[in-house]
All heavy atoms as atom14 arrays in JSON, in Angstrom:
{
  "sequence": "NFDISDIFIDSLYKVAKSDSVEEAEDFLAWIEEFGKENNINFVTTIS",
  "atom14_mask": [
    [1, 1, 1, 1, 1, 1, 1, 1, 0, 0, 0, 0, 0, 0],
    [1, 1, 1, 1, 1, 1, 1, 1, 1, 1, 1, 0, 0, 0],
    [1, 1, 1, 1, 1, 1, 1, 1, 0, 0, 0, 0, 0, 0],
    [1, 1, 1, 1, 1, 1, 1, 1, 0, 0, 0, 0, 0, 0],
    [1, 1, 1, 1, 1, 1, 0, 0, 0, 0, 0, 0, 0, 0],
    [1, 1, 1, 1, 1, 1, 1, 1, 0, 0, 0, 0, 0, 0],
    [1, 1, 1, 1, 1, 1, 1, 1, 0, 0, 0, 0, 0, 0],
    [1, 1, 1, 1, 1, 1, 1, 1, 1, 1, 1, 0, 0, 0],
    [1, 1, 1, 1, 1, 1, 1, 1, 0, 0, 0, 0, 0, 0],
    [1, 1, 1, 1, 1, 1, 1, 1, 0, 0, 0, 0, 0, 0],
    [1, 1, 1, 1, 1, 1, 0, 0, 0, 0, 0, 0, 0, 0],
    [1, 1, 1, 1, 1, 1, 1, 1, 0, 0, 0, 0, 0, 0],
    [1, 1, 1, 1, 1, 1, 1, 1, 1, 1, 1, 1, 0, 0],
    [1, 1, 1, 1, 1, 1, 1, 1, 1, 0, 0, 0, 0, 0],
    [1, 1, 1, 1, 1, 1, 1, 0, 0, 0, 0, 0, 0, 0],
    [1, 1, 1, 1, 1, 0, 0, 0, 0, 0, 0, 0, 0, 0],
    [1, 1, 1, 1, 1, 1, 1, 1, 1, 0, 0, 0, 0, 0],
    [1, 1, 1, 1, 1, 1, 0, 0, 0, 0, 0, 0, 0, 0],
    [1, 1, 1, 1, 1, 1, 1, 1, 0, 0, 0, 0, 0, 0],
    [1, 1, 1, 1, 1, 1, 0, 0, 0, 0, 0, 0, 0, 0],
    [1, 1, 1, 1, 1, 1, 1, 0, 0, 0, 0, 0, 0, 0],
    [1, 1, 1, 1, 1, 1, 1, 1, 1, 0, 0, 0, 0, 0],
    [1, 1, 1, 1, 1, 1, 1, 1, 1, 0, 0, 0, 0, 0],
    [1, 1, 1, 1, 1, 0, 0, 0, 0, 0, 0, 0, 0, 0],
    [1, 1, 1, 1, 1, 1, 1, 1, 1, 0, 0, 0, 0, 0],
    [1, 1, 1, 1, 1, 1, 1, 1, 0, 0, 0, 0, 0, 0],
    [1, 1, 1, 1, 1, 1, 1, 1, 1, 1, 1, 0, 0, 0],
    [1, 1, 1, 1, 1, 1, 1, 1, 0, 0, 0, 0, 0, 0],
    [1, 1, 1, 1, 1, 0, 0, 0, 0, 0, 0, 0, 0, 0],
    [1, 1, 1, 1, 1, 1, 1, 1, 1, 1, 1, 1, 1, 1],
    [1, 1, 1, 1, 1, 1, 1, 1, 0, 0, 0, 0, 0, 0],
    [1, 1, 1, 1, 1, 1, 1, 1, 1, 0, 0, 0, 0, 0],
    [1, 1, 1, 1, 1, 1, 1, 1, 1, 0, 0, 0, 0, 0],
    [1, 1, 1, 1, 1, 1, 1, 1, 1, 1, 1, 0, 0, 0],
    [1, 1, 1, 1, 0, 0, 0, 0, 0, 0, 0, 0, 0, 0],
    [1, 1, 1, 1, 1, 1, 1, 1, 1, 0, 0, 0, 0, 0],
    [1, 1, 1, 1, 1, 1, 1, 1, 1, 0, 0, 0, 0, 0],
    [1, 1, 1, 1, 1, 1, 1, 1, 0, 0, 0, 0, 0, 0],
    [1, 1, 1, 1, 1, 1, 1, 1, 0, 0, 0, 0, 0, 0],
    [1, 1, 1, 1, 1, 1, 1, 1, 0, 0, 0, 0, 0, 0],
    [1, 1, 1, 1, 1, 1, 1, 1, 0, 0, 0, 0, 0, 0],
    [1, 1, 1, 1, 1, 1, 1, 1, 1, 1, 1, 0, 0, 0],
    [1, 1, 1, 1, 1, 1, 1, 0, 0, 0, 0, 0, 0, 0],
    [1, 1, 1, 1, 1, 1, 1, 0, 0, 0, 0, 0, 0, 0],
    [1, 1, 1, 1, 1, 1, 1, 0, 0, 0, 0, 0, 0, 0],
    [1, 1, 1, 1, 1, 1, 1, 1, 0, 0, 0, 0, 0, 0],
    [1, 1, 1, 1, 1, 1, 0, 0, 0, 0, 0, 0, 0, 0]
  ],
  "atom14_positions": [
    [[3.88, 12.63, 10.47], [4.16, 13.56, 9.44], [3.07, 13.73, 8.45], [2.99, 12.88, 7.51], [5.5, 13.17, 8.67], [5.99, 14.18, 7.71], [5.29, 15.17, 7.39], [7.16, 13.97, 7.22], [0.0, 0.0, 0.0], [0.0, 0.0, 0.0], [0.0, 0.0, 0.0], [0.0, 0.0, 0.0], [0.0, 0.0, 0.0], [0.0, 0.0, 0.0]],
    [[2.21, 14.76, 8.57], [1.09, 14.89, 7.73], [1.47, 15.43, 6.35], [0.65, 15.65, 5.48], [0.11, 15.83, 8.4], [-0.61, 15.25, 9.64], [-0.28, 15.84, 10.88], [-1.44, 14.2, 9.53], [-0.99, 15.26, 12.01], [-1.96, 13.72, 10.6], [-1.74, 14.18, 11.93], [0.0, 0.0, 0.0], [0.0, 0.0, 0.0], [0.0, 0.0, 0.0]],
    [[2.74, 15.72, 6.11], [3.24, 16.23, 4.86], [3.63, 15.11, 3.84], [4.02, 15.36, 2.79], [4.45, 17.15, 5.05], [4.07, 18.4, 5.8], [2.91, 18.84, 5.73], [4.96, 18.96, 6.43], [0.0, 0.0, 0.0], [0.0, 0.0, 0.0], [0.0, 0.0, 0.0], [0.0, 0.0, 0.0], [0.0, 0.0, 0.0], [0.0, 0.0, 0.0]],
    [[3.43, 13.8, 4.23], [3.84, 12.77, 3.3], [3.0, 12.87, 2.03], [1.78, 12.83, 2.12], [3.76, 11.4, 4.0], [4.65, 11.15, 5.2], [3.85, 10.21, 2.93], [4.5, 10.01, 5.98], [0.0, 0.0, 0.0], [0.0, 0.0, 0.0], [0.0, 0.0, 0.0], [0.0, 0.0, 0.0], [0.0, 0.0, 0.0], [0.0, 0.0, 0.0]],
    [[3.7, 12.87, 0.94], [2.95, 12.91, -0.33], [2.99, 11.57, -1.11], [2.12, 11.37, -1.88], [3.58, 14.07, -1.24], [4.93, 13.7, -1.48], [0.0, 0.0, 0.0], [0.0, 0.0, 0.0], [0.0, 0.0, 0.0], [0.0, 0.0, 0.0], [0.0, 0.0, 0.0], [0.0, 0.0, 0.0], [0.0, 0.0, 0.0], [0.0, 0.0, 0.0]],
    [[4.04, 10.81, -0.83], [4.22, 9.58, -1.57], [4.79, 8.47, -0.7], [5.7, 8.78, 0.12], [5.17, 9.78, -2.75], [4.73, 10.75, -3.75], [5.07, 12.02, -3.57], [4.06, 10.39, -4.77], [0.0, 0.0, 0.0], [0.0, 0.0, 0.0], [0.0, 0.0, 0.0], [0.0, 0.0, 0.0], [0.0, 0.0, 0.0], [0.0, 0.0, 0.0]],
    [[4.22, 7.28, -0.77], [4.8, 6.14, -0.14], [4.96, 5.05, -1.12], [4.06, 4.66, -1.83], [3.78, 5.64, 1.02], [3.57, 6.7, 2.13], [4.31, 4.37, 1.71], [2.66, 6.36, 3.19], [0.0, 0.0, 0.0], [0.0, 0.0, 0.0], [0.0, 0.0, 0.0], [0.0, 0.0, 0.0], [0.0, 0.0, 0.0], [0.0, 0.0, 0.0]],
    [[6.15, 4.52, -1.09], [6.6, 3.46, -2.01], [6.85, 2.21, -1.15], [7.51, 2.27, -0.09], [7.86, 3.83, -2.75], [7.66, 4.9, -3.73], [7.76, 6.24, -3.29], [7.42, 4.76, -4.99], [7.63, 7.31, -4.14], [7.19, 5.8, -5.9], [7.35, 7.07, -5.44], [0.0, 0.0, 0.0], [0.0, 0.0, 0.0], [0.0, 0.0, 0.0]],
    [[6.32, 1.05, -1.47], [6.46, -0.17, -0.84], [7.13, -1.14, -1.84], [6.53, -1.55, -2.8], [5.21, -0.73, -0.3], [4.43, 0.31, 0.6], [5.4, -2.09, 0.49], [3.03, -0.08, 0.92], [0.0, 0.0, 0.0], [0.0, 0.0, 0.0], [0.0, 0.0, 0.0], [0.0, 0.0, 0.0], [0.0, 0.0, 0.0], [0.0, 0.0, 0.0]],
    [[8.39, -1.53, -1.56], [9.13, -2.46, -2.35], [8.9, -3.89, -1.85], [9.2, -4.15, -0.66], [10.63, -2.14, -2.4], [11.37, -2.92, -3.39], [10.71, -3.32, -4.48], [12.54, -3.26, -3.11], [0.0, 0.0, 0.0], [0.0, 0.0, 0.0], [0.0, 0.0, 0.0], [0.0, 0.0, 0.0], [0.0, 0.0, 0.0], [0.0, 0.0, 0.0]],
    [[8.28, -4.68, -2.66], [8.05, -6.1, -2.44], [6.98, -6.3, -1.35], [7.27, -6.67, -0.21], [9.34, -6.77, -2.09], [9.07, -8.17, -2.26], [0.0, 0.0, 0.0], [0.0, 0.0, 0.0], [0.0, 0.0, 0.0], [0.0, 0.0, 0.0], [0.0, 0.0, 0.0], [0.0, 0.0, 0.0], [0.0, 0.0, 0.0], [0.0, 0.0, 0.0]],
    [[5.75, -5.94, -1.66], [4.57, -6.01, -0.72], [4.56, -7.34, 0.09], [4.39, -7.27, 1.22], [3.31, -5.75, -1.39], [2.12, -5.66, -0.59], [2.12, -4.58, 0.44], [0.84, -5.52, -1.47], [0.0, 0.0, 0.0], [0.0, 0.0, 0.0], [0.0, 0.0, 0.0], [0.0, 0.0, 0.0], [0.0, 0.0, 0.0], [0.0, 0.0, 0.0]],
    [[4.64, -8.44, -0.6], [4.48, -9.68, 0.04], [5.56, -9.86, 1.15], [5.3, -10.42, 2.22], [4.58, -10.93, -0.92], [3.34, -11.02, -1.85], [3.45, -11.88, -2.91], [2.17, -10.31, -1.64], [2.26, -12.0, -3.79], [1.11, -10.36, -2.48], [1.14, -11.26, -3.52], [0.06, -11.47, -4.36], [0.0, 0.0, 0.0], [0.0, 0.0, 0.0]],
    [[6.78, -9.41, 0.89], [7.89, -9.53, 1.83], [7.68, -8.58, 2.97], [7.89, -8.96, 4.19], [9.27, -9.32, 1.23], [9.75, -10.36, 0.34], [11.08, -10.09, -0.22], [11.5, -11.09, -1.22], [12.76, -10.73, -1.9], [0.0, 0.0, 0.0], [0.0, 0.0, 0.0], [0.0, 0.0, 0.0], [0.0, 0.0, 0.0], [0.0, 0.0, 0.0]],
    [[7.23, -7.4, 2.69], [7.05, -6.36, 3.72], [5.96, -6.85, 4.69], [6.12, -6.69, 5.95], [6.72, -4.93, 3.1], [6.27, -4.0, 4.13], [7.95, -4.41, 2.44], [0.0, 0.0, 0.0], [0.0, 0.0, 0.0], [0.0, 0.0, 0.0], [0.0, 0.0, 0.0], [0.0, 0.0, 0.0], [0.0, 0.0, 0.0], [0.0, 0.0, 0.0]],
    [[4.84, -7.3, 4.16], [3.76, -7.77, 5.04], [3.93, -9.16, 5.56], [3.12, -9.67, 6.4], [2.47, -7.71, 4.26], [0.0, 0.0, 0.0], [0.0, 0.0, 0.0], [0.0, 0.0, 0.0], [0.0, 0.0, 0.0], [0.0, 0.0, 0.0], [0.0, 0.0, 0.0], [0.0, 0.0, 0.0], [0.0, 0.0, 0.0], [0.0, 0.0, 0.0]],
    [[4.92, -9.87, 5.09], [5.16, -11.28, 5.44], [4.0, -12.16, 5.14], [3.57, -12.96, 6.01], [5.63, -11.4, 6.92], [7.0, -10.93, 7.12], [7.53, -11.41, 8.5], [9.0, -11.15, 8.64], [9.51, -11.59, 9.89], [0.0, 0.0, 0.0], [0.0, 0.0, 0.0], [0.0, 0.0, 0.0], [0.0, 0.0, 0.0], [0.0, 0.0, 0.0]],
    [[3.36, -11.88, 4.04], [2.22, -12.66, 3.56], [2.08, -12.64, 2.05], [2.15, -11.57, 1.52], [0.91, -12.16, 4.25], [-0.18, -12.73, 3.64], [0.0, 0.0, 0.0], [0.0, 0.0, 0.0], [0.0, 0.0, 0.0], [0.0, 0.0, 0.0], [0.0, 0.0, 0.0], [0.0, 0.0, 0.0], [0.0, 0.0, 0.0], [0.0, 0.0, 0.0]],
    [[1.86, -13.72, 1.44], [1.64, -13.81, 0.07], [0.11, -14.09, -0.3], [-0.21, -14.56, -1.4], [2.57, -14.72, -0.7], [2.41, -16.16, -0.23], [1.62, -16.44, 0.65], [3.19, -17.05, -0.71], [0.0, 0.0, 0.0], [0.0, 0.0, 0.0], [0.0, 0.0, 0.0], [0.0, 0.0, 0.0], [0.0, 0.0, 0.0], [0.0, 0.0, 0.0]],
    [[-0.75, -13.85, 0.62], [-2.19, -14.09, 0.47], [-2.71, -13.06, -0.56], [-2.62, -11.83, -0.34], [-2.94, -13.98, 1.77], [-4.31, -13.81, 1.52], [0.0, 0.0, 0.0], [0.0, 0.0, 0.0], [0.0, 0.0, 0.0], [0.0, 0.0, 0.0], [0.0, 0.0, 0.0], [0.0, 0.0, 0.0], [0.0, 0.0, 0.0], [0.0, 0.0, 0.0]],
    [[-3.23, -13.55, -1.69], [-3.73, -12.63, -2.7], [-4.98, -11.87, -2.11], [-5.17, -10.67, -2.36], [-4.19, -13.4, -3.92], [-4.86, -12.49, -4.97], [-2.89, -14.06, -4.59], [0.0, 0.0, 0.0], [0.0, 0.0, 0.0], [0.0, 0.0, 0.0], [0.0, 0.0, 0.0], [0.0, 0.0, 0.0], [0.0, 0.0, 0.0], [0.0, 0.0, 0.0]],
    [[-5.89, -12.58, -1.34], [-7.06, -11.92, -0.81], [-6.67, -10.86, 0.17], [-7.23, -9.69, 0.04], [-7.92, -12.95, -0.1], [-8.49, -14.04, -1.04], [-7.52, -15.15, -1.39], [-6.57, -15.33, -0.61], [-7.76, -15.82, -2.32], [0.0, 0.0, 0.0], [0.0, 0.0, 0.0], [0.0, 0.0, 0.0], [0.0, 0.0, 0.0], [0.0, 0.0, 0.0]],
    [[-5.7, -11.07, 1.04], [-5.26, -9.95, 1.91], [-4.58, -8.88, 1.19], [-4.74, -7.7, 1.61], [-4.26, -10.68, 2.92], [-4.94, -11.53, 3.96], [-3.92, -12.12, 4.91], [-2.74, -11.83, 4.86], [-4.39, -12.95, 5.79], [0.0, 0.0, 0.0], [0.0, 0.0, 0.0], [0.0, 0.0, 0.0], [0.0, 0.0, 0.0], [0.0, 0.0, 0.0]],
    [[-3.87, -9.22, 0.25], [-3.18, -8.15, -0.64], [-4.27, -7.2, -1.3], [-4.1, -5.97, -1.35], [-2.29, -8.79, -1.74], [0.0, 0.0, 0.0], [0.0, 0.0, 0.0], [0.0, 0.0, 0.0], [0.0, 0.0, 0.0], [0.0, 0.0, 0.0], [0.0, 0.0, 0.0], [0.0, 0.0, 0.0], [0.0, 0.0, 0.0], [0.0, 0.0, 0.0]],
    [[-5.3, -7.85, -1.79], [-6.4, -7.1, -2.46], [-7.08, -6.15, -1.45], [-7.34, -5.01, -1.7], [-7.48, -8.02, -3.03], [-7.08, -8.84, -4.22], [-8.15, -9.85, -4.65], [-8.95, -10.29, -3.79], [-8.11, -10.19, -5.84], [0.0, 0.0, 0.0], [0.0, 0.0, 0.0], [0.0, 0.0, 0.0], [0.0, 0.0, 0.0], [0.0, 0.0, 0.0]],
    [[-7.35, -6.68, -0.22], [-7.93, -5.87, 0.82], [-6.96, -4.72, 1.19], [-7.47, -3.56, 1.36], [-8.22, -6.68, 2.07], [-9.38, -7.72, 1.84], [-10.12, -7.49, 0.87], [-9.49, -8.55, 2.66], [0.0, 0.0, 0.0], [0.0, 0.0, 0.0], [0.0, 0.0, 0.0], [0.0, 0.0, 0.0], [0.0, 0.0, 0.0], [0.0, 0.0, 0.0]],
    [[-5.72, -4.99, 1.31], [-4.74, -3.93, 1.66], [-4.67, -2.86, 0.49], [-4.66, -1.67, 0.84], [-3.32, -4.53, 1.85], [-2.23, -3.57, 2.06], [-2.15, -2.95, 3.38], [-1.38, -3.2, 1.04], [-1.2, -2.0, 3.53], [-0.39, -2.21, 1.33], [-0.3, -1.55, 2.55], [0.0, 0.0, 0.0], [0.0, 0.0, 0.0], [0.0, 0.0, 0.0]],
    [[-4.62, -3.3, -0.75], [-4.6, -2.28, -1.83], [-5.87, -1.45, -1.87], [-5.85, -0.27, -2.03], [-4.41, -3.11, -3.16], [-3.11, -3.78, -3.39], [-3.15, -4.63, -4.63], [-1.98, -2.7, -3.46], [0.0, 0.0, 0.0], [0.0, 0.0, 0.0], [0.0, 0.0, 0.0], [0.0, 0.0, 0.0], [0.0, 0.0, 0.0], [0.0, 0.0, 0.0]],
    [[-7.04, -2.02, -1.5], [-8.25, -1.3, -1.47], [-8.13, -0.33, -0.23], [-8.6, 0.84, -0.43], [-9.49, -2.18, -1.31], [0.0, 0.0, 0.0], [0.0, 0.0, 0.0], [0.0, 0.0, 0.0], [0.0, 0.0, 0.0], [0.0, 0.0, 0.0], [0.0, 0.0, 0.0], [0.0, 0.0, 0.0], [0.0, 0.0, 0.0], [0.0, 0.0, 0.0]],
    [[-7.57, -0.74, 0.79], [-7.44, 0.16, 2.04], [-6.46, 1.35, 1.69], [-6.76, 2.53, 1.93], [-6.9, -0.59, 3.16], [-6.6, 0.31, 4.39], [-7.63, 0.75, 5.2], [-5.43, 0.91, 4.74], [-7.01, 1.52, 6.17], [-5.68, 1.73, 5.88], [-4.14, 0.87, 4.3], [-4.79, 2.52, 6.56], [-3.18, 1.59, 4.93], [-3.46, 2.37, 6.04]],
    [[-5.25, 1.02, 0.99], [-4.41, 2.2, 0.72], [-4.93, 3.12, -0.36], [-4.67, 4.36, -0.32], [-2.9, 1.72, 0.36], [-2.82, 0.89, -0.89], [-2.25, 1.12, 1.54], [-1.45, 0.57, -1.36], [0.0, 0.0, 0.0], [0.0, 0.0, 0.0], [0.0, 0.0, 0.0], [0.0, 0.0, 0.0], [0.0, 0.0, 0.0], [0.0, 0.0, 0.0]],
    [[-5.76, 2.5, -1.15], [-6.38, 3.42, -2.11], [-7.29, 4.46, -1.47], [-7.22, 5.7, -1.71], [-7.32, 2.61, -3.17], [-8.03, 3.51, -4.19], [-8.9, 2.71, -5.13], [-9.46, 1.6, -4.74], [-8.98, 3.06, -6.32], [0.0, 0.0, 0.0], [0.0, 0.0, 0.0], [0.0, 0.0, 0.0], [0.0, 0.0, 0.0], [0.0, 0.0, 0.0]],
    [[-8.11, 4.02, -0.48], [-8.97, 4.87, 0.24], [-8.22, 5.77, 1.11], [-8.47, 6.95, 1.23], [-9.92, 3.93, 1.04], [-11.07, 4.85, 1.8], [-11.97, 5.55, 0.75], [-12.2, 4.98, -0.29], [-12.48, 6.66, 1.06], [0.0, 0.0, 0.0], [0.0, 0.0, 0.0], [0.0, 0.0, 0.0], [0.0, 0.0, 0.0], [0.0, 0.0, 0.0]],
    [[-7.24, 5.27, 1.89], [-6.37, 6.09, 2.74], [-5.64, 7.12, 1.95], [-5.56, 8.25, 2.42], [-5.34, 5.16, 3.53], [-4.53, 5.76, 4.5], [-5.01, 6.09, 5.81], [-3.22, 6.24, 4.27], [-4.29, 6.72, 6.8], [-2.37, 6.84, 5.2], [-3.0, 7.1, 6.54], [0.0, 0.0, 0.0], [0.0, 0.0, 0.0], [0.0, 0.0, 0.0]],
    [[-5.16, 6.8, 0.84], [-4.52, 7.74, -0.04], [-5.35, 8.88, -0.5], [-5.04, 10.06, -0.56], [0.0, 0.0, 0.0], [0.0, 0.0, 0.0], [0.0, 0.0, 0.0], [0.0, 0.0, 0.0], [0.0, 0.0, 0.0], [0.0, 0.0, 0.0], [0.0, 0.0, 0.0], [0.0, 0.0, 0.0], [0.0, 0.0, 0.0], [0.0, 0.0, 0.0]],
    [[-6.61, 8.51, -0.89], [-7.57, 9.6, -1.34], [-7.93, 10.5, -0.16], [-7.96, 11.7, -0.27], [-8.88, 8.95, -1.82], [-8.8, 8.31, -3.22], [-10.1, 7.68, -3.56], [-9.9, 6.97, -4.92], [-11.18, 6.25, -5.27], [0.0, 0.0, 0.0], [0.0, 0.0, 0.0], [0.0, 0.0, 0.0], [0.0, 0.0, 0.0], [0.0, 0.0, 0.0]],
    [[-8.07, 9.89, 1.02], [-8.5, 10.69, 2.25], [-7.38, 11.66, 2.56], [-7.59, 12.75, 3.15], [-8.84, 9.85, 3.4], [-10.08, 9.02, 3.2], [-10.32, 8.1, 4.4], [-9.46, 7.97, 5.28], [-11.34, 7.31, 4.26], [0.0, 0.0, 0.0], [0.0, 0.0, 0.0], [0.0, 0.0, 0.0], [0.0, 0.0, 0.0], [0.0, 0.0, 0.0]],
    [[-6.11, 11.24, 2.43], [-4.98, 11.94, 2.9], [-4.05, 12.5, 1.91], [-2.93, 13.05, 2.22], [-4.1, 11.03, 3.91], [-5.01, 10.69, 5.09], [-5.48, 11.48, 5.88], [-5.35, 9.42, 5.21], [0.0, 0.0, 0.0], [0.0, 0.0, 0.0], [0.0, 0.0, 0.0], [0.0, 0.0, 0.0], [0.0, 0.0, 0.0], [0.0, 0.0, 0.0]],
    [[-4.46, 12.47, 0.59], [-3.68, 12.97, -0.52], [-2.35, 12.42, -0.57], [-1.41, 13.12, -0.68], [-3.72, 14.51, -0.45], [-3.37, 15.09, -1.8], [-3.62, 14.58, -2.8], [-2.79, 16.25, -1.78], [0.0, 0.0, 0.0], [0.0, 0.0, 0.0], [0.0, 0.0, 0.0], [0.0, 0.0, 0.0], [0.0, 0.0, 0.0], [0.0, 0.0, 0.0]],
    [[-2.27, 11.08, -0.47], [-0.97, 10.32, -0.56], [-1.03, 9.42, -1.84], [-1.99, 8.72, -2.02], [-0.68, 9.47, 0.69], [-0.72, 10.34, 1.91], [0.62, 8.68, 0.52], [-0.66, 9.49, 3.26], [0.0, 0.0, 0.0], [0.0, 0.0, 0.0], [0.0, 0.0, 0.0], [0.0, 0.0, 0.0], [0.0, 0.0, 0.0], [0.0, 0.0, 0.0]],
    [[0.07, 9.46, -2.58], [0.22, 8.52, -3.68], [0.99, 7.32, -3.17], [1.93, 7.39, -2.46], [1.08, 9.15, -4.81], [0.43, 10.38, -5.4], [-0.79, 10.41, -5.72], [1.13, 11.46, -5.48], [0.0, 0.0, 0.0], [0.0, 0.0, 0.0], [0.0, 0.0, 0.0], [0.0, 0.0, 0.0], [0.0, 0.0, 0.0], [0.0, 0.0, 0.0]],
    [[0.48, 6.11, -3.59], [1.14, 4.89, -3.22], [1.64, 4.16, -4.47], [0.9, 4.12, -5.47], [0.15, 3.91, -2.54], [-0.13, 4.31, -1.04], [-1.09, 5.17, -0.73], [0.65, 3.7, -0.06], [-1.4, 5.51, 0.58], [0.44, 4.13, 1.23], [-0.64, 4.96, 1.61], [0.0, 0.0, 0.0], [0.0, 0.0, 0.0], [0.0, 0.0, 0.0]],
    [[2.79, 3.57, -4.41], [3.33, 2.77, -5.42], [3.98, 1.48, -4.64], [4.65, 1.62, -3.74], [4.44, 3.36, -6.3], [4.94, 2.31, -7.28], [3.88, 4.58, -6.98], [0.0, 0.0, 0.0], [0.0, 0.0, 0.0], [0.0, 0.0, 0.0], [0.0, 0.0, 0.0], [0.0, 0.0, 0.0], [0.0, 0.0, 0.0], [0.0, 0.0, 0.0]],
    [[3.54, 0.31, -5.14], [4.06, -0.98, -4.49], [4.45, -1.94, -5.58], [3.85, -1.96, -6.74], [3.1, -1.54, -3.52], [3.66, -2.61, -2.84], [1.82, -2.03, -4.18], [0.0, 0.0, 0.0], [0.0, 0.0, 0.0], [0.0, 0.0, 0.0], [0.0, 0.0, 0.0], [0.0, 0.0, 0.0], [0.0, 0.0, 0.0], [0.0, 0.0, 0.0]],
    [[5.43, -2.77, -5.32], [5.75, -3.9, -6.17], [5.33, -5.1, -5.6], [5.21, -5.24, -4.35], [7.21, -3.94, -6.42], [7.89, -4.13, -5.14], [7.82, -2.66, -7.05], [0.0, 0.0, 0.0], [0.0, 0.0, 0.0], [0.0, 0.0, 0.0], [0.0, 0.0, 0.0], [0.0, 0.0, 0.0], [0.0, 0.0, 0.0], [0.0, 0.0, 0.0]],
    [[4.93, -6.08, -6.44], [4.53, -7.44, -6.01], [5.37, -8.39, -6.88], [5.32, -8.33, -8.11], [3.02, -7.69, -6.18], [2.22, -6.72, -5.32], [2.69, -9.16, -5.98], [0.77, -6.83, -5.44], [0.0, 0.0, 0.0], [0.0, 0.0, 0.0], [0.0, 0.0, 0.0], [0.0, 0.0, 0.0], [0.0, 0.0, 0.0], [0.0, 0.0, 0.0]],
    [[6.05, -9.29, -6.22], [6.81, -10.35, -6.91], [5.97, -11.49, -7.23], [5.86, -12.46, -6.39], [8.07, -10.69, -6.13], [8.98, -9.63, -6.1], [0.0, 0.0, 0.0], [0.0, 0.0, 0.0], [0.0, 0.0, 0.0], [0.0, 0.0, 0.0], [0.0, 0.0, 0.0], [0.0, 0.0, 0.0], [0.0, 0.0, 0.0], [0.0, 0.0, 0.0]]
  ]
}
């Protein structure tokens, strides 16, 4: 679905099954780039 405008991720560590801060940082950098390329807004929570 190329029409996705927003993706919300509730509880990032639980969704990814990892609480690694380094991996979370890499993932956030990736979604930042992916969002820019595809015009998608991302919001995520971290507990």
